[in-house]
C-alpha atoms as a PDB file:
ATOM      1  CA  MET A   1      63.721 101.190 114.464  1.00  0.00           C
ATOM      2  CA  LYS A   2      64.109 100.276 118.131  1.00  0.00           C
ATOM      3  CA  LYS A   3      66.810  98.838 120.380  1.00  0.00           C
ATOM      4  CA  GLU A   4      66.679  97.344 123.853  1.00  0.00           C
ATOM      5  CA  CYS A   5      68.348  99.057 126.773  1.00  0.00           C
ATOM      6  CA  PRO A   6      70.683  96.548 128.498  1.00  0.00           C
ATOM      7  CA  SER A   7      70.019  98.177 131.871  1.00  0.00           C
ATOM      8  CA  CYS A   8      66.218  98.382 132.067  1.00  0.00           C
ATOM      9  CA  ALA A   9      65.196  96.220 129.056  1.00  0.00           C
ATOM     10  CA  MET A  10      62.904  98.919 127.636  1.00  0.00           C
ATOM     11  CA  GLU A  11      62.546  99.331 123.875  1.00  0.00           C
ATOM     12  CA  ILE A  12      63.828 102.775 122.896  1.00  0.00           C
ATOM     13  CA  ASP A  13      64.667 104.634 119.703  1.00  0.00           C
ATOM     14  CA  ALA A  14      67.698 103.108 117.964  1.00  0.00           C
ATOM     15  CA  ALA A  15      69.352 106.515 117.568  1.00  0.00           C
ATOM     16  CA  ALA A  16      69.216 107.291 121.286  1.00  0.00           C
ATOM     17  CA  LYS A  17      72.585 107.690 122.985  1.00  0.00           C
ATOM     18  CA  VAL A  18      71.057 107.718 126.482  1.00  0.00           C
ATOM     19  CA  CYS A  19      68.067 105.712 127.699  1.00  0.00           C
ATOM     20  CA  PRO A  20      65.245 108.116 128.630  1.00  0.00           C
ATOM     21  CA  ILE A  21      63.957 105.662 131.255  1.00  0.00           C
ATOM     22  CA  CYS A  22      67.050 104.775 133.309  1.00  0.00           C
ATOM     23  CA  ALA A  23      69.691 107.197 131.891  1.00  0.00           C
ATOM     24  CA  TYR A  24      71.927 104.346 130.709  1.00  0.00           C
ATOM     25  CA  GLU A  25      74.602 105.772 128.380  1.00  0.00           C
ATOM     26  CA  PHE A  26      75.232 103.565 125.366  1.00  0.00           C
ATOM     27  CA  PRO A  27      78.963 103.179 124.669  1.00  0.00           C
ATOM     28  CA  ARG A  28      80.259 104.833 121.529  1.00  0.00           C
ATOM     29  CA  GLN A  29      81.968 102.498 119.108  1.00  0.00           C
ATOM     30  CA  SER A  30      84.514 103.982 116.791  1.00  0.00           C
ATOM     31  CA  LYS A  31      84.236 103.111 113.093  1.00  0.00           C
ATOM     32  CA  ALA A  32      88.028 102.692 113.022  1.00  0.00           C
ATOM     33  CA  LEU A  33      87.841 100.145 115.834  1.00  0.00           C
ATOM     34  CA  SER A  34      85.246  98.158 113.892  1.00  0.00           C
ATOM     35  CA  TRP A  35      87.462  98.059 110.794  1.00  0.00           C
ATOM     36  CA  VAL A  36      90.506  97.005 112.813  1.00  0.00           C
ATOM     37  CA  ALA A  37      88.517  94.155 114.366  1.00  0.00           C
ATOM     38  CA  ILE A  38      87.292  92.994 110.943  1.00  0.00           C
ATOM     39  CA  LEU A  39      90.809  93.105 109.493  1.00  0.00           C
ATOM     40  CA  LEU A  40      92.220  91.144 112.434  1.00  0.00           C
ATOM     41  CA  ILE A  41      89.573  88.445 112.013  1.00  0.00           C
ATOM     42  CA  VAL A  42      90.289  88.176 108.282  1.00  0.00           C
ATOM     43  CA  ALA A  43      94.051  88.007 108.952  1.00  0.00           C
ATOM     44  CA  LEU A  44      93.521  85.274 111.552  1.00  0.00           C
ATOM     45  CA  LEU A  45      91.352  83.259 109.156  1.00  0.00           C
ATOM     46  CA  LEU A  46      93.946  83.576 106.390  1.00  0.00           C
ATOM     47  CA  TRP A  47      96.696  82.523 108.780  1.00  0.00           C
ATOM     48  CA  LEU A  48      94.720  79.437 109.835  1.00  0.00           C
ATOM     49  CA  VAL A  49      94.053  78.439 106.232  1.00  0.00           C
ATOM     50  CA  LEU A  50      97.689  78.734 105.203  1.00  0.00           C
END
């Protein structure tokens, strides 16, 4: 599986944390932050419906 580097637009390995071409460091996203965002979206949708 591949992903595109946002800095140099090269296709690199999806597991790479740093681009081997331009040394762009991919930001780390916390799993907890993802869950908080999902819960906030669900809460907002429920609030709008009610």
